[in-house]
């Protein structure tokens, strides 16, 4: 007799969960059909669309390209969606460091190849 009570309780518990799940599922379907803008899938898509791209600007003279430059560019690229790389002019390098080793056109060509 004790096992019958447990079986009835288990059946009641299981049927409650099944009916509750069915009601919840139908509620989601009804809300989605009546108000598509509140659909769970639509809400997730809107959240993905709202994400703005992250842009990072990095400049340098890149006079003699070496591992440090490549590593800095790699790390900057890993931080964001878009990496914008600027090359400092010869005049600015002369003011801050002295005459550049590599001419500006060659440095721009190296930068273009890194893209």
Protein backbone atom coordinates (compact mmCIF):
# COMPACT_ATOMS: atom_id res chain seq x y z
CA UNK A 1 0.00 0.00 0.00
CA UNK A 2 2.89 2.38 0.80
CA UNK A 3 4.35 1.84 -2.66
CA UNK A 4 1.00 2.73 -4.26
CA UNK A 5 1.02 6.09 -2.51
CA UNK A 6 4.54 6.77 -3.80
CA UNK A 7 3.52 5.76 -7.31
CA UNK A 8 0.47 8.03 -7.26
CA UNK A 9 2.61 10.90 -5.94
CA UNK A 10 5.21 10.30 -8.66
CA UNK A 11 2.54 10.23 -11.37
CA UNK A 12 0.97 13.40 -10.02
CA UNK A 13 4.37 15.12 -9.86
CA UNK A 14 5.24 14.01 -13.41
CA UNK A 15 1.88 15.05 -14.83
CA UNK A 16 2.16 18.46 -13.12
CA UNK A 17 5.55 19.04 -14.71
CA UNK A 18 4.40 17.86 -18.14
CA UNK A 19 1.29 20.03 -18.09
CA UNK A 20 3.29 22.99 -16.77
CA UNK A 21 5.87 22.56 -19.52
CA UNK A 22 3.16 22.30 -22.15
CA UNK A 23 1.46 25.46 -20.87
CA UNK A 24 4.78 27.34 -20.78
CA UNK A 25 5.66 26.21 -24.30
CA UNK A 26 2.27 27.18 -25.67
CA UNK A 27 2.56 30.55 -23.92
CA UNK A 28 5.87 31.26 -25.65
CA UNK A 29 4.39 30.24 -29.00
CA UNK A 30 1.31 32.43 -28.42
CA UNK A 31 3.38 35.47 -27.40
CA UNK A 32 5.67 34.96 -30.39
CA UNK A 33 2.70 34.73 -32.76
CA UNK A 34 0.83 37.69 -31.26
CA UNK A 35 3.82 39.99 -30.72
CA UNK A 36 6.78 38.94 -32.90
CA UNK A 37 8.90 41.81 -31.55
CA UNK A 38 8.89 40.05 -28.15
CA UNK A 39 9.98 36.71 -29.56
CA UNK A 40 13.00 35.34 -27.66
CA UNK A 41 14.81 34.80 -30.95
CA UNK A 42 14.06 38.34 -32.10
CA UNK A 43 15.33 39.79 -28.81
CA UNK A 44 18.63 37.89 -29.16
CA UNK A 45 19.04 39.09 -32.76
CA UNK A 46 18.43 42.71 -31.71
CA UNK A 47 21.07 42.42 -29.01
CA UNK A 48 23.57 41.11 -31.55
CA UNK A 49 22.76 43.90 -33.99
CA UNK A 50 23.19 46.62 -31.35
CA UNK A 51 26.83 45.70 -30.75
CA UNK A 52 28.97 48.42 -32.27
CA UNK A 53 32.30 47.46 -33.79
CA UNK A 54 35.32 48.33 -31.68
CA UNK A 55 38.06 50.17 -33.53
CA UNK A 56 41.62 50.65 -32.31
CA UNK A 57 44.06 53.14 -33.81
CA UNK A 58 47.77 52.47 -33.57
CA UNK A 59 50.49 54.48 -35.19
CA UNK A 60 54.24 54.35 -35.30
CA UNK A 61 57.16 55.17 -37.51
CA UNK A 62 57.73 51.46 -38.27
CA UNK A 63 61.18 52.54 -39.41
CA UNK A 64 62.78 49.15 -39.09
CA UNK A 65 60.00 46.57 -38.76
CA UNK A 66 60.85 44.03 -36.05
CA UNK A 67 59.19 41.51 -33.73
CA UNK A 68 58.12 44.22 -31.27
CA UNK A 69 56.15 46.03 -33.98
CA UNK A 70 54.52 42.80 -35.17
CA UNK A 71 53.66 41.75 -31.63
CA UNK A 72 52.13 45.14 -30.79
CA UNK A 73 50.02 45.00 -33.98
CA UNK A 74 48.96 41.43 -33.21
CA UNK A 75 47.92 42.32 -29.67
CA UNK A 76 46.04 45.44 -30.81
CA UNK A 77 44.21 43.39 -33.43
CA UNK A 78 43.19 40.81 -30.82
CA UNK A 79 41.54 43.53 -28.68
CA UNK A 80 39.01 44.77 -31.19
CA UNK A 81 37.06 44.29 -34.43
CA UNK A 82 38.98 46.74 -36.62
CA UNK A 83 42.59 47.86 -36.44
CA UNK A 84 43.56 51.17 -38.02
CA UNK A 85 47.30 51.59 -38.46
CA UNK A 86 48.89 54.97 -39.06
CA UNK A 87 52.43 55.68 -40.20
CA UNK A 88 54.24 58.74 -38.82
CA UNK A 89 55.63 61.15 -41.42
CA UNK A 90 59.34 61.66 -42.07
CA UNK A 91 59.14 65.20 -40.69
CA UNK A 92 57.70 64.00 -37.38
CA UNK A 93 60.37 61.29 -37.10
CA UNK A 94 63.14 63.83 -37.75
CA UNK A 95 61.78 66.06 -34.97
CA UNK A 96 61.53 63.22 -32.44
CA UNK A 97 64.18 60.62 -33.37
CA UNK A 98 66.41 61.92 -36.12
CA UNK A 99 66.46 60.96 -39.78
CA UNK A 100 64.40 57.86 -40.67
CA UNK A 101 66.21 54.74 -41.82
CA UNK A 102 63.45 53.73 -44.27
CA UNK A 103 61.70 56.26 -46.54
CA UNK A 104 57.99 56.98 -46.00
CA UNK A 105 56.88 55.26 -49.25
CA UNK A 106 58.64 52.04 -48.24
CA UNK A 107 57.11 52.16 -44.75
CA UNK A 108 53.65 52.67 -46.25
CA UNK A 109 54.21 49.68 -48.54
CA UNK A 110 55.15 47.50 -45.55
CA UNK A 111 52.04 48.67 -43.69
CA UNK A 112 49.87 47.84 -46.69
CA UNK A 113 51.31 44.34 -46.85
CA UNK A 114 50.52 43.74 -43.17
CA UNK A 115 46.82 44.35 -43.78
